[in-house]
């Protein structure tokens, strides 16, 4: 979930290059929850930004992590002050912007438990 459309496109391109499929995109936290709930095939991993309009990434992650089978969330933010709050949710990992393509790939592989 990312409100910056150019970053959405960049993340989608990276994820596709890794061999994964993007099943949805959202511009804010409220939209993310609505889209997630509407999906028949839930994503294995969600990339979550913090600073989004309508509902931020922390509040959105809290809601998603309370689901019966919560998704794996990779929190991506340039806001270092939110890192500890995000990691305290115990159900997500954190990557600081800017990050390398390799760092994103490695984090996705790690949360999926693949080698």
PDB file of N, CA and C in Angstrom:
ATOM      1  N   UNK A   1       0.835  -1.156   0.000  1.00  0.00           N
ATOM      2  CA  UNK A   1       0.000   0.000   0.000  1.00  0.00           C
ATOM      3  C   UNK A   1       0.892   1.236   0.000  1.00  0.00           C
ATOM      4  N   UNK A   2       0.760   1.985  -1.019  1.00  0.00           N
ATOM      5  CA  UNK A   2       1.634   3.136  -1.230  1.00  0.00           C
ATOM      6  C   UNK A   2       0.829   4.192  -1.957  1.00  0.00           C
ATOM      7  N   UNK A   3       0.879   5.430  -1.459  1.00  0.00           N
ATOM      8  CA  UNK A   3       0.113   6.495  -2.094  1.00  0.00           C
ATOM      9  C   UNK A   3       0.867   7.151  -3.250  1.00  0.00           C
ATOM     10  N   UNK A   4       2.160   6.953  -3.358  1.00  0.00           N
ATOM     11  CA  UNK A   4       2.957   7.511  -4.450  1.00  0.00           C
ATOM     12  C   UNK A   4       2.867   6.559  -5.649  1.00  0.00           C
ATOM     13  N   UNK A   5       2.183   7.008  -6.704  1.00  0.00           N
ATOM     14  CA  UNK A   5       1.943   6.145  -7.863  1.00  0.00           C
ATOM     15  C   UNK A   5       3.228   5.696  -8.555  1.00  0.00           C
ATOM     16  N   UNK A   6       4.254   6.556  -8.575  1.00  0.00           N
ATOM     17  CA  UNK A   6       5.511   6.151  -9.210  1.00  0.00           C
ATOM     18  C   UNK A   6       6.183   5.047  -8.400  1.00  0.00           C
ATOM     19  N   UNK A   7       6.075   5.094  -7.072  1.00  0.00           N
ATOM     20  CA  UNK A   7       6.628   4.018  -6.250  1.00  0.00           C
ATOM     21  C   UNK A   7       5.807   2.743  -6.403  1.00  0.00           C
ATOM     22  N   UNK A   8       4.494   2.877  -6.545  1.00  0.00           N
ATOM     23  CA  UNK A   8       3.662   1.691  -6.792  1.00  0.00           C
ATOM     24  C   UNK A   8       4.145   0.966  -8.045  1.00  0.00           C
ATOM     25  N   UNK A   9       4.378   1.732  -9.112  1.00  0.00           N
ATOM     26  CA  UNK A   9       4.832   1.133 -10.375  1.00  0.00           C
ATOM     27  C   UNK A   9       6.214   0.506 -10.219  1.00  0.00           C
ATOM     28  N   UNK A  10       7.097   1.188  -9.509  1.00  0.00           N
ATOM     29  CA  UNK A  10       8.441   0.664  -9.287  1.00  0.00           C
ATOM     30  C   UNK A  10       8.389  -0.640  -8.494  1.00  0.00           C
ATOM     31  N   UNK A  11       7.610  -0.671  -7.404  1.00  0.00           N
ATOM     32  CA  UNK A  11       7.484  -1.887  -6.592  1.00  0.00           C
ATOM     33  C   UNK A  11       6.893  -3.026  -7.423  1.00  0.00           C
ATOM     34  N   UNK A  12       5.891  -2.721  -8.234  1.00  0.00           N
ATOM     35  CA  UNK A  12       5.272  -3.749  -9.061  1.00  0.00           C
ATOM     36  C   UNK A  12       6.283  -4.326 -10.054  1.00  0.00           C
ATOM     37  N   UNK A  13       7.078  -3.455 -10.642  1.00  0.00           N
ATOM     38  CA  UNK A  13       8.091  -3.905 -11.588  1.00  0.00           C
ATOM     39  C   UNK A  13       9.121  -4.794 -10.870  1.00  0.00           C
ATOM     40  N   UNK A  14       9.550  -4.384  -9.685  1.00  0.00           N
ATOM     41  CA  UNK A  14      10.516  -5.176  -8.923  1.00  0.00           C
ATOM     42  C   UNK A  14       9.931  -6.543  -8.568  1.00  0.00           C
ATOM     43  N   UNK A  15       8.728  -6.543  -8.063  1.00  0.00           N
ATOM     44  CA  UNK A  15       8.087  -7.786  -7.625  1.00  0.00           C
ATOM     45  C   UNK A  15       7.890  -8.734  -8.802  1.00  0.00           C
ATOM     46  N   UNK A  16       7.484  -8.196  -9.939  1.00  0.00           N
ATOM     47  CA  UNK A  16       7.323  -9.029 -11.137  1.00  0.00           C
ATOM     48  C   UNK A  16       8.664  -9.603 -11.579  1.00  0.00           C
ATOM     49  N   UNK A  17       9.716  -8.804 -11.503  1.00  0.00           N
ATOM     50  CA  UNK A  17      11.056  -9.268 -11.865  1.00  0.00           C
ATOM     51  C   UNK A  17      11.496 -10.414 -10.961  1.00  0.00           C
ATOM     52  N   UNK A  18      11.072 -10.384  -9.694  1.00  0.00           N
ATOM     53  CA  UNK A  18      11.421 -11.450  -8.743  1.00  0.00           C
ATOM     54  C   UNK A  18      10.645 -12.736  -9.030  1.00  0.00           C
ATOM     55  N   UNK A  19       9.629 -12.649  -9.907  1.00  0.00           N
ATOM     56  CA  UNK A  19       8.829 -13.829 -10.219  1.00  0.00           C
ATOM     57  C   UNK A  19       7.546 -13.933  -9.407  1.00  0.00           C
ATOM     58  N   UNK A  20       7.207 -12.883  -8.677  1.00  0.00           N
ATOM     59  CA  UNK A  20       5.980 -12.861  -7.897  1.00  0.00           C
ATOM     60  C   UNK A  20       4.908 -12.078  -8.661  1.00  0.00           C
ATOM     61  N   UNK A  21       3.658 -12.208  -8.231  1.00  0.00           N
ATOM     62  CA  UNK A  21       2.537 -11.533  -8.875  1.00  0.00           C
ATOM     63  C   UNK A  21       1.916 -10.518  -7.931  1.00  0.00           C
ATOM     64  N   UNK A  22       1.661  -9.326  -8.435  1.00  0.00           N
ATOM     65  CA  UNK A  22       0.957  -8.300  -7.663  1.00  0.00           C
ATOM     66  C   UNK A  22      -0.537  -8.541  -7.852  1.00  0.00           C
ATOM     67  N   UNK A  23      -1.266  -8.751  -6.755  1.00  0.00           N
ATOM     68  CA  UNK A  23      -2.694  -9.028  -6.864  1.00  0.00           C
ATOM     69  C   UNK A  23      -3.556  -7.810  -6.557  1.00  0.00           C
ATOM     70  N   UNK A  24      -2.934  -6.729  -6.081  1.00  0.00           N
ATOM     71  CA  UNK A  24      -3.703  -5.522  -5.815  1.00  0.00           C
ATOM     72  C   UNK A  24      -2.803  -4.395  -5.360  1.00  0.00           C
ATOM     73  N   UNK A  25      -3.324  -3.179  -5.518  1.00  0.00           N
ATOM     74  CA  UNK A  25      -2.619  -1.974  -5.069  1.00  0.00           C
ATOM     75  C   UNK A  25      -3.650  -1.057  -4.432  1.00  0.00           C
ATOM     76  N   UNK A  26      -3.192  -0.279  -3.453  1.00  0.00           N
ATOM     77  CA  UNK A  26      -4.087   0.674  -2.797  1.00  0.00           C
ATOM     78  C   UNK A  26      -3.339   1.977  -2.563  1.00  0.00           C
ATOM     79  N   UNK A  27      -4.094   3.063  -2.546  1.00  0.00           N
ATOM     80  CA  UNK A  27      -3.509   4.388  -2.363  1.00  0.00           C
ATOM     81  C   UNK A  27      -3.561   4.877  -0.929  1.00  0.00           C
ATOM     82  N   UNK A  28      -4.328   4.198  -0.078  1.00  0.00           N
ATOM     83  CA  UNK A  28      -4.405   4.582   1.326  1.00  0.00           C
ATOM     84  C   UNK A  28      -4.833   3.368   2.142  1.00  0.00           C
ATOM     85  N   UNK A  29      -4.736   3.486   3.455  1.00  0.00           N
ATOM     86  CA  UNK A  29      -5.025   2.356   4.324  1.00  0.00           C
ATOM     87  C   UNK A  29      -6.452   1.865   4.276  1.00  0.00           C
ATOM     88  N   UNK A  30      -7.391   2.770   4.197  1.00  0.00           N
ATOM     89  CA  UNK A  30      -8.810   2.378   4.148  1.00  0.00           C
ATOM     90  C   UNK A  30      -9.072   1.563   2.872  1.00  0.00           C
ATOM     91  N   UNK A  31      -8.568   2.060   1.770  1.00  0.00           N
ATOM     92  CA  UNK A  31      -8.727   1.359   0.493  1.00  0.00           C
ATOM     93  C   UNK A  31      -8.025  -0.004   0.544  1.00  0.00           C
ATOM     94  N   UNK A  32      -6.889  -0.056   1.204  1.00  0.00           N
ATOM     95  CA  UNK A  32      -6.143  -1.317   1.314  1.00  0.00           C
ATOM     96  C   UNK A  32      -6.972  -2.388   2.021  1.00  0.00           C
ATOM     97  N   UNK A  33      -7.604  -2.025   3.106  1.00  0.00           N
ATOM     98  CA  UNK A  33      -8.419  -2.991   3.855  1.00  0.00           C
ATOM     99  C   UNK A  33      -9.619  -3.431   3.028  1.00  0.00           C
ATOM    100  N   UNK A  34     -10.267  -2.482   2.364  1.00  0.00           N
ATOM    101  CA  UNK A  34     -11.415  -2.828   1.515  1.00  0.00           C
ATOM    102  C   UNK A  34     -10.997  -3.779   0.397  1.00  0.00           C
ATOM    103  N   UNK A  35      -9.880  -3.487  -0.268  1.00  0.00           N
ATOM    104  CA  UNK A  35      -9.416  -4.347  -1.354  1.00  0.00           C
ATOM    105  C   UNK A  35      -8.992  -5.712  -0.830  1.00  0.00           C
ATOM    106  N   UNK A  36      -8.300  -5.742   0.303  1.00  0.00           N
ATOM    107  CA  UNK A  36      -7.858  -7.012   0.876  1.00  0.00           C
ATOM    108  C   UNK A  36      -9.070  -7.889   1.186  1.00  0.00           C
ATOM    109  N   UNK A  37     -10.075  -7.313   1.820  1.00  0.00           N
ATOM    110  CA  UNK A  37     -11.269  -8.083   2.181  1.00  0.00           C
ATOM    111  C   UNK A  37     -12.025  -8.575   0.954  1.00  0.00           C
ATOM    112  N   UNK A  38     -11.949  -7.844  -0.151  1.00  0.00           N
ATOM    113  CA  UNK A  38     -12.668  -8.223  -1.364  1.00  0.00           C
ATOM    114  C   UNK A  38     -11.936  -9.297  -2.182  1.00  0.00           C
ATOM    115  N   UNK A  39     -10.655  -9.482  -1.937  1.00  0.00           N
ATOM    116  CA  UNK A  39      -9.882 -10.455  -2.715  1.00  0.00           C
ATOM    117  C   UNK A  39     -10.234 -11.884  -2.330  1.00  0.00           C
ATOM    118  N   UNK A  40     -10.471 -12.710  -3.323  1.00  0.00           N
ATOM    119  CA  UNK A  40     -10.688 -14.139  -3.088  1.00  0.00           C
ATOM    120  C   UNK A  40      -9.359 -14.804  -2.763  1.00  0.00           C
ATOM    121  N   UNK A  41      -8.359 -14.513  -3.561  1.00  0.00           N
ATOM    122  CA  UNK A  41      -7.007 -15.035  -3.335  1.00  0.00           C
ATOM    123  C   UNK A  41      -6.193 -13.956  -2.636  1.00  0.00           C
ATOM    124  N   UNK A  42      -6.032 -14.105  -1.345  1.00  0.00           N
ATOM    125  CA  UNK A  42      -5.322 -13.106  -0.535  1.00  0.00           C
ATOM    126  C   UNK A  42      -3.832 -13.123  -0.861  1.00  0.00           C
ATOM    127  N   UNK A  43      -3.183 -11.971  -0.784  1.00  0.00           N
ATOM    128  CA  UNK A  43      -1.744 -11.932  -1.039  1.00  0.00           C
ATOM    129  C   UNK A  43      -0.965 -12.603   0.099  1.00  0.00           C
ATOM    130  N   UNK A  44       0.170 -13.167  -0.243  1.00  0.00           N
ATOM    131  CA  UNK A  44       1.042 -13.760   0.767  1.00  0.00           C
ATOM    132  C   UNK A  44       1.783 -12.678   1.548  1.00  0.00           C
ATOM    133  N   UNK A  45       2.094 -11.564   0.863  1.00  0.00           N
ATOM    134  CA  UNK A  45       2.864 -10.475   1.457  1.00  0.00           C
ATOM    135  C   UNK A  45       2.252  -9.150   1.041  1.00  0.00           C
ATOM    136  N   UNK A  46       2.230  -8.216   1.990  1.00  0.00           N
ATOM    137  CA  UNK A  46       1.787  -6.854   1.698  1.00  0.00           C
ATOM    138  C   UNK A  46       2.946  -5.911   1.987  1.00  0.00           C
ATOM    139  N   UNK A  47       3.237  -5.021   1.032  1.00  0.00           N
ATOM    140  CA  UNK A  47       4.189  -3.943   1.265  1.00  0.00           C
ATOM    141  C   UNK A  47       3.382  -2.763   1.784  1.00  0.00           C
ATOM    142  N   UNK A  48       3.757  -2.223   2.940  1.00  0.00           N
ATOM    143  CA  UNK A  48       2.953  -1.185   3.601  1.00  0.00           C
ATOM    144  C   UNK A  48       3.787   0.065   3.858  1.00  0.00           C
ATOM    145  N   UNK A  49       3.327   1.182   3.348  1.00  0.00           N
ATOM    146  CA  UNK A  49       3.930   2.481   3.637  1.00  0.00           C
ATOM    147  C   UNK A  49       3.279   3.032   4.897  1.00  0.00           C
ATOM    148  N   UNK A  50       3.936   3.975   5.558  1.00  0.00           N
ATOM    149  CA  UNK A  50       3.337   4.571   6.755  1.00  0.00           C
ATOM    150  C   UNK A  50       2.500   5.809   6.430  1.00  0.00           C
ATOM    151  N   UNK A  51       3.118   6.756   5.771  1.00  0.00           N
ATOM    152  CA  UNK A  51       2.442   8.037   5.516  1.00  0.00           C
ATOM    153  C   UNK A  51       1.564   7.944   4.284  1.00  0.00           C
ATOM    154  N   UNK A  52       0.272   7.734   4.554  1.00  0.00           N
ATOM    155  CA  UNK A  52      -0.721   7.663   3.478  1.00  0.00           C
ATOM    156  C   UNK A  52      -1.923   8.505   3.894  1.00  0.00           C
ATOM    157  N   UNK A  53      -2.659   9.021   2.935  1.00  0.00           N
ATOM    158  CA  UNK A  53      -3.872   9.764   3.284  1.00  0.00           C
ATOM    159  C   UNK A  53      -4.950   8.816   3.817  1.00  0.00           C
ATOM    160  N   UNK A  54      -5.928   9.343   4.474  1.00  0.00           N
ATOM    161  CA  UNK A  54      -7.111   8.660   5.000  1.00  0.00           C
ATOM    162  C   UNK A  54      -6.774   7.805   6.218  1.00  0.00           C
ATOM    163  N   UNK A  55      -5.861   6.848   6.064  1.00  0.00           N
ATOM    164  CA  UNK A  55      -5.477   5.967   7.178  1.00  0.00           C
ATOM    165  C   UNK A  55      -4.024   5.553   6.990  1.00  0.00           C
ATOM    166  N   UNK A  56      -3.200   5.766   8.014  1.00  0.00           N
ATOM    167  CA  UNK A  56      -1.770   5.476   7.891  1.00  0.00           C
ATOM    168  C   UNK A  56      -1.462   3.980   7.965  1.00  0.00           C
ATOM    169  N   UNK A  57      -0.211   3.649   7.703  1.00  0.00           N
ATOM    170  CA  UNK A  57       0.218   2.263   7.654  1.00  0.00           C
ATOM    171  C   UNK A  57       0.164   1.531   8.984  1.00  0.00           C
ATOM    172  N   UNK A  58       0.440   2.220  10.085  1.00  0.00           N
ATOM    173  CA  UNK A  58       0.380   1.573  11.406  1.00  0.00           C
ATOM    174  C   UNK A  58      -1.054   1.147  11.692  1.00  0.00           C
ATOM    175  N   UNK A  59      -1.993   2.078  11.554  1.00  0.00           N
ATOM    176  CA  UNK A  59      -3.396   1.759  11.835  1.00  0.00           C
ATOM    177  C   UNK A  59      -3.920   0.667  10.904  1.00  0.00           C
ATOM    178  N   UNK A  60      -3.508   0.708   9.654  1.00  0.00           N
ATOM    179  CA  UNK A  60      -3.933  -0.309   8.692  1.00  0.00           C
ATOM    180  C   UNK A  60      -3.345  -1.670   9.059  1.00  0.00           C
ATOM    181  N   UNK A  61      -2.075  -1.703   9.423  1.00  0.00           N
ATOM    182  CA  UNK A  61      -1.429  -2.957   9.815  1.00  0.00           C
ATOM    183  C   UNK A  61      -2.087  -3.567  11.045  1.00  0.00           C
ATOM    184  N   UNK A  62      -2.443  -2.738  12.010  1.00  0.00           N
ATOM    185  CA  UNK A  62      -3.110  -3.229  13.230  1.00  0.00           C
ATOM    186  C   UNK A  62      -4.389  -3.976  12.859  1.00  0.00           C
ATOM    187  N   UNK A  63      -5.162  -3.405  11.956  1.00  0.00           N
ATOM    188  CA  UNK A  63      -6.419  -4.037  11.531  1.00  0.00           C
ATOM    189  C   UNK A  63      -6.140  -5.350  10.793  1.00  0.00           C
ATOM    190  N   UNK A  64      -5.202  -5.335   9.864  1.00  0.00           N
ATOM    191  CA  UNK A  64      -4.897  -6.533   9.086  1.00  0.00           C
ATOM    192  C   UNK A  64      -4.317  -7.652   9.952  1.00  0.00           C
ATOM    193  N   UNK A  65      -3.497  -7.294  10.920  1.00  0.00           N
ATOM    194  CA  UNK A  65      -2.866  -8.308  11.769  1.00  0.00           C
ATOM    195  C   UNK A  65      -3.845  -8.959  12.749  1.00  0.00           C
ATOM    196  N   UNK A  66      -5.017  -8.358  12.925  1.00  0.00           N
ATOM    197  CA  UNK A  66      -6.043  -8.942  13.803  1.00  0.00           C
ATOM    198  C   UNK A  66      -6.921  -9.958  13.078  1.00  0.00           C
ATOM    199  N   UNK A  67      -6.739 -10.094  11.763  1.00  0.00           N
ATOM    200  CA  UNK A  67      -7.538 -11.042  10.995  1.00  0.00           C
ATOM    201  C   UNK A  67      -7.194 -12.473  11.394  1.00  0.00           C
ATOM    202  N   UNK A  68      -8.092 -13.395  11.113  1.00  0.00           N
ATOM    203  CA  UNK A  68      -7.885 -14.795  11.479  1.00  0.00           C
ATOM    204  C   UNK A  68      -6.601 -15.360  10.872  1.00  0.00           C
ATOM    205  N   UNK A  69      -6.381 -15.127   9.611  1.00  0.00           N
ATOM    206  CA  UNK A  69      -5.142 -15.549   8.939  1.00  0.00           C
ATOM    207  C   UNK A  69      -4.464 -14.295   8.394  1.00  0.00           C
ATOM    208  N   UNK A  70      -3.760 -13.567   9.254  1.00  0.00           N
ATOM    209  CA  UNK A  70      -3.205 -12.276   8.827  1.00  0.00           C
ATOM    210  C   UNK A  70      -2.126 -12.426   7.762  1.00  0.00           C
ATOM    211  N   UNK A  71      -2.039 -11.437   6.894  1.00  0.00           N
ATOM    212  CA  UNK A  71      -0.988 -11.459   5.875  1.00  0.00           C
ATOM    213  C   UNK A  71       0.363 -11.132   6.503  1.00  0.00           C
ATOM    214  N   UNK A  72       1.416 -11.472   5.801  1.00  0.00           N
ATOM    215  CA  UNK A  72       2.746 -11.045   6.191  1.00  0.00           C
ATOM    216  C   UNK A  72       2.896  -9.622   5.658  1.00  0.00           C
ATOM    217  N   UNK A  73       3.365  -8.731   6.503  1.00  0.00           N
ATOM    218  CA  UNK A  73       3.472  -7.325   6.120  1.00  0.00           C
ATOM    219  C   UNK A  73       4.927  -6.888   6.195  1.00  0.00           C
ATOM    220  N   UNK A  74       5.389  -6.305   5.097  1.00  0.00           N
ATOM    221  CA  UNK A  74       6.705  -5.666   5.081  1.00  0.00           C
ATOM    222  C   UNK A  74       6.437  -4.171   5.104  1.00  0.00           C
ATOM    223  N   UNK A  75       6.767  -3.551   6.207  1.00  0.00           N
ATOM    224  CA  UNK A  75       6.542  -2.118   6.402  1.00  0.00           C
ATOM    225  C   UNK A  75       7.718  -1.391   5.769  1.00  0.00           C
ATOM    226  N   UNK A  76       7.430  -0.464   4.874  1.00  0.00           N
ATOM    227  CA  UNK A  76       8.467   0.277   4.158  1.00  0.00           C
ATOM    228  C   UNK A  76       8.250   1.758   4.410  1.00  0.00           C
ATOM    229  N   UNK A  77       9.245   2.404   5.045  1.00  0.00           N
ATOM    230  CA  UNK A  77       9.076   3.812   5.360  1.00  0.00           C
ATOM    231  C   UNK A  77      10.423   4.520   5.445  1.00  0.00           C
ATOM    232  N   UNK A  78      10.413   5.792   5.085  1.00  0.00           N
ATOM    233  CA  UNK A  78      11.590   6.645   5.263  1.00  0.00           C
ATOM    234  C   UNK A  78      11.552   7.292   6.642  1.00  0.00           C
ATOM    235  N   UNK A  79      10.452   7.129   7.347  1.00  0.00           N
ATOM    236  CA  UNK A  79      10.254   7.736   8.657  1.00  0.00           C
ATOM    237  C   UNK A  79      10.840   6.824   9.738  1.00  0.00           C
ATOM    238  N   UNK A  80      12.077   7.111  10.141  1.00  0.00           N
ATOM    239  CA  UNK A  80      12.763   6.285  11.143  1.00  0.00           C
ATOM    240  C   UNK A  80      12.022   6.270  12.479  1.00  0.00           C
ATOM    241  N   UNK A  81      11.293   7.342  12.776  1.00  0.00           N
ATOM    242  CA  UNK A  81      10.609   7.433  14.072  1.00  0.00           C
ATOM    243  C   UNK A  81       9.479   6.410  14.208  1.00  0.00           C
ATOM    244  N   UNK A  82       9.001   5.874  13.102  1.00  0.00           N
ATOM    245  CA  UNK A  82       7.898   4.919  13.141  1.00  0.00           C
ATOM    246  C   UNK A  82       8.399   3.466  13.215  1.00  0.00           C
ATOM    247  N   UNK A  83       9.676   3.254  13.021  1.00  0.00           N
ATOM    248  CA  UNK A  83      10.250   1.900  12.994  1.00  0.00           C
ATOM    249  C   UNK A  83       9.887   1.086  14.245  1.00  0.00           C
ATOM    250  N   UNK A  84      10.164   1.621  15.415  1.00  0.00           N
ATOM    251  CA  UNK A  84       9.891   0.881  16.656  1.00  0.00           C
ATOM    252  C   UNK A  84       8.406   0.613  16.848  1.00  0.00           C
ATOM    253  N   UNK A  85       7.569   1.579  16.488  1.00  0.00           N
ATOM    254  CA  UNK A  85       6.115   1.372  16.587  1.00  0.00           C
ATOM    255  C   UNK A  85       5.671   0.251  15.656  1.00  0.00           C
ATOM    256  N   UNK A  86       6.217   0.232  14.470  1.00  0.00           N
ATOM    257  CA  UNK A  86       5.850  -0.801  13.501  1.00  0.00           C
ATOM    258  C   UNK A  86       6.316  -2.173  13.977  1.00  0.00           C
ATOM    259  N   UNK A  87       7.562  -2.274  14.387  1.00  0.00           N
ATOM    260  CA  UNK A  87       8.103  -3.567  14.811  1.00  0.00           C
ATOM    261  C   UNK A  87       7.455  -4.073  16.099  1.00  0.00           C
ATOM    262  N   UNK A  88       6.909  -3.180  16.908  1.00  0.00           N
ATOM    263  CA  UNK A  88       6.218  -3.590  18.134  1.00  0.00           C
ATOM    264  C   UNK A  88       4.924  -4.335  17.826  1.00  0.00           C
ATOM    265  N   UNK A  89       4.421  -4.239  16.608  1.00  0.00           N
ATOM    266  CA  UNK A  89       3.181  -4.922  16.234  1.00  0.00           C
ATOM    267  C   UNK A  89       3.364  -6.428  16.134  1.00  0.00           C
ATOM    268  N   UNK A  90       4.576  -6.900  16.067  1.00  0.00           N
ATOM    269  CA  UNK A  90       4.878  -8.342  16.038  1.00  0.00           C
ATOM    270  C   UNK A  90       4.069  -9.081  14.993  1.00  0.00           C
ATOM    271  N   UNK A  91       4.364  -8.848  13.796  1.00  0.00           N
ATOM    272  CA  UNK A  91       3.688  -9.528  12.709  1.00  0.00           C
ATOM    273  C   UNK A  91       4.144  -8.929  11.405  1.00  0.00           C
ATOM    274  N   UNK A  92       5.114  -8.049  11.521  1.00  0.00           N
ATOM    275  CA  UNK A  92       5.629  -7.432  10.313  1.00  0.00           C
ATOM    276  C   UNK A  92       7.117  -7.206  10.430  1.00  0.00           C
ATOM    277  N   UNK A  93       7.733  -6.955   9.295  1.00  0.00           N
ATOM    278  CA  UNK A  93       9.144  -6.600   9.257  1.00  0.00           C
ATOM    279  C   UNK A  93       9.246  -5.185   8.717  1.00  0.00           C
ATOM    280  N   UNK A  94      10.427  -4.605   8.744  1.00  0.00           N
ATOM    281  CA  UNK A  94      10.600  -3.202   8.399  1.00  0.00           C
ATOM    282  C   UNK A  94      11.797  -3.027   7.475  1.00  0.00           C
ATOM    283  N   UNK A  95      11.594  -2.272   6.398  1.00  0.00           N
ATOM    284  CA  UNK A  95      12.672  -1.856   5.509  1.00  0.00           C
ATOM    285  C   UNK A  95      12.636  -0.337   5.447  1.00  0.00           C
ATOM    286  N   UNK A  96      13.800   0.266   5.626  1.00  0.00           N
ATOM    287  CA  UNK A  96      13.885   1.718   5.573  1.00  0.00           C
ATOM    288  C   UNK A  96      14.130   2.194   4.145  1.00  0.00           C
ATOM    289  N   UNK A  97      13.349   3.192   3.719  1.00  0.00           N
ATOM    290  CA  UNK A  97      13.568   3.817   2.411  1.00  0.00           C
ATOM    291  C   UNK A  97      14.753   4.765   2.533  1.00  0.00           C
ATOM    292  N   UNK A  98      15.574   4.896   1.536  1.00  0.00           N
ATOM    293  CA  UNK A  98      15.600   4.113   0.312  1.00  0.00           C
ATOM    294  C   UNK A  98      16.238   2.740   0.570  1.00  0.00           C
ATOM    295  N   UNK A  99      15.895   1.794  -0.265  1.00  0.00           N
ATOM    296  CA  UNK A  99      16.428   0.448  -0.115  1.00  0.00           C
ATOM    297  C   UNK A  99      16.808  -0.081  -1.494  1.00  0.00           C
ATOM    298  N   UNK A 100      17.598  -1.129  -1.503  1.00  0.00           N
ATOM    299  CA  UNK A 100      18.031  -1.712  -2.778  1.00  0.00           C
ATOM    300  C   UNK A 100      17.023  -2.766  -3.237  1.00  0.00           C
ATOM    301  N   UNK A 101      17.083  -3.078  -4.512  1.00  0.00           N
ATOM    302  CA  UNK A 101      16.249  -4.134  -5.085  1.00  0.00           C
ATOM    303  C   UNK A 101      16.548  -5.447  -4.368  1.00  0.00           C
ATOM    304  N   UNK A 102      17.812  -5.695  -4.112  1.00  0.00           N
ATOM    305  CA  UNK A 102      18.221  -6.918  -3.421  1.00  0.00           C
ATOM    306  C   UNK A 102      17.630  -6.987  -2.018  1.00  0.00           C
ATOM    307  N   UNK A 103      17.625  -5.867  -1.309  1.00  0.00           N
ATOM    308  CA  UNK A 103      17.074  -5.852   0.053  1.00  0.00           C
ATOM    309  C   UNK A 103      15.589  -6.211   0.047  1.00  0.00           C
ATOM    310  N   UNK A 104      14.838  -5.679  -0.916  1.00  0.00           N
ATOM    311  CA  UNK A 104      13.413  -6.005  -0.998  1.00  0.00           C
ATOM    312  C   UNK A 104      13.230  -7.480  -1.337  1.00  0.00           C
ATOM    313  N   UNK A 105      13.954  -7.962  -2.314  1.00  0.00           N
ATOM    314  CA  UNK A 105      13.859  -9.374  -2.694  1.00  0.00           C
ATOM    315  C   UNK A 105      14.163 -10.270  -1.501  1.00  0.00           C
ATOM    316  N   UNK A 106      15.265  -9.989  -0.817  1.00  0.00           N
ATOM    317  CA  UNK A 106      15.668 -10.817   0.316  1.00  0.00           C
ATOM    318  C   UNK A 106      14.632 -10.797   1.437  1.00  0.00           C
ATOM    319  N   UNK A 107      14.012  -9.649   1.661  1.00  0.00           N
ATOM    320  CA  UNK A 107      12.998  -9.546   2.725  1.00  0.00           C
ATOM    321  C   UNK A 107      11.739 -10.328   2.356  1.00  0.00           C
ATOM    322  N   UNK A 108      11.323 -10.259   1.100  1.00  0.00           N
ATOM    323  CA  UNK A 108      10.152 -11.025   0.662  1.00  0.00           C
ATOM    324  C   UNK A 108      10.425 -12.517   0.811  1.00  0.00           C
ATOM    325  N   UNK A 109      11.568 -12.959   0.350  1.00  0.00           N
ATOM    326  CA  UNK A 109      11.942 -14.367   0.456  1.00  0.00           C
ATOM    327  C   UNK A 109      11.974 -14.792   1.925  1.00  0.00           C
ATOM    328  N   UNK A 110      12.516 -13.927   2.785  1.00  0.00           N
ATOM    329  CA  UNK A 110      12.616 -14.246   4.214  1.00  0.00           C
ATOM    330  C   UNK A 110      11.224 -14.405   4.845  1.00  0.00           C
ATOM    331  N   UNK A 111      10.323 -13.458   4.601  1.00  0.00           N
ATOM    332  CA  UNK A 111       9.005 -13.554   5.244  1.00  0.00           C
ATOM    333  C   UNK A 111       8.168 -14.701   4.690  1.00  0.00           C
ATOM    334  N   UNK A 112       8.459 -15.094   3.457  1.00  0.00           N
ATOM    335  CA  UNK A 112       7.766 -16.242   2.885  1.00  0.00           C
ATOM    336  C   UNK A 112       8.363 -17.571   3.349  1.00  0.00           C
ATOM    337  N   UNK A 113       9.530 -17.487   3.985  1.00  0.00           N
ATOM    338  CA  UNK A 113      10.177 -18.698   4.478  1.00  0.00           C
ATOM    339  C   UNK A 113      10.791 -19.532   3.377  1.00  0.00           C
ATOM    340  N   UNK A 114      11.146 -18.884   2.268  1.00  0.00           N
ATOM    341  CA  UNK A 114      11.768 -19.589   1.145  1.00  0.00           C
ATOM    342  C   UNK A 114      13.267 -19.373   1.183  1.00  0.00           C
ATOM    343  N   UNK A 115      14.002 -20.298   0.573  1.00  0.00           N
ATOM    344  CA  UNK A 115      15.457 -20.128   0.527  1.00  0.00           C
ATOM    345  C   UNK A 115      15.924 -19.739  -0.859  1.00  0.00           C
TER     346      UNK A 115
END
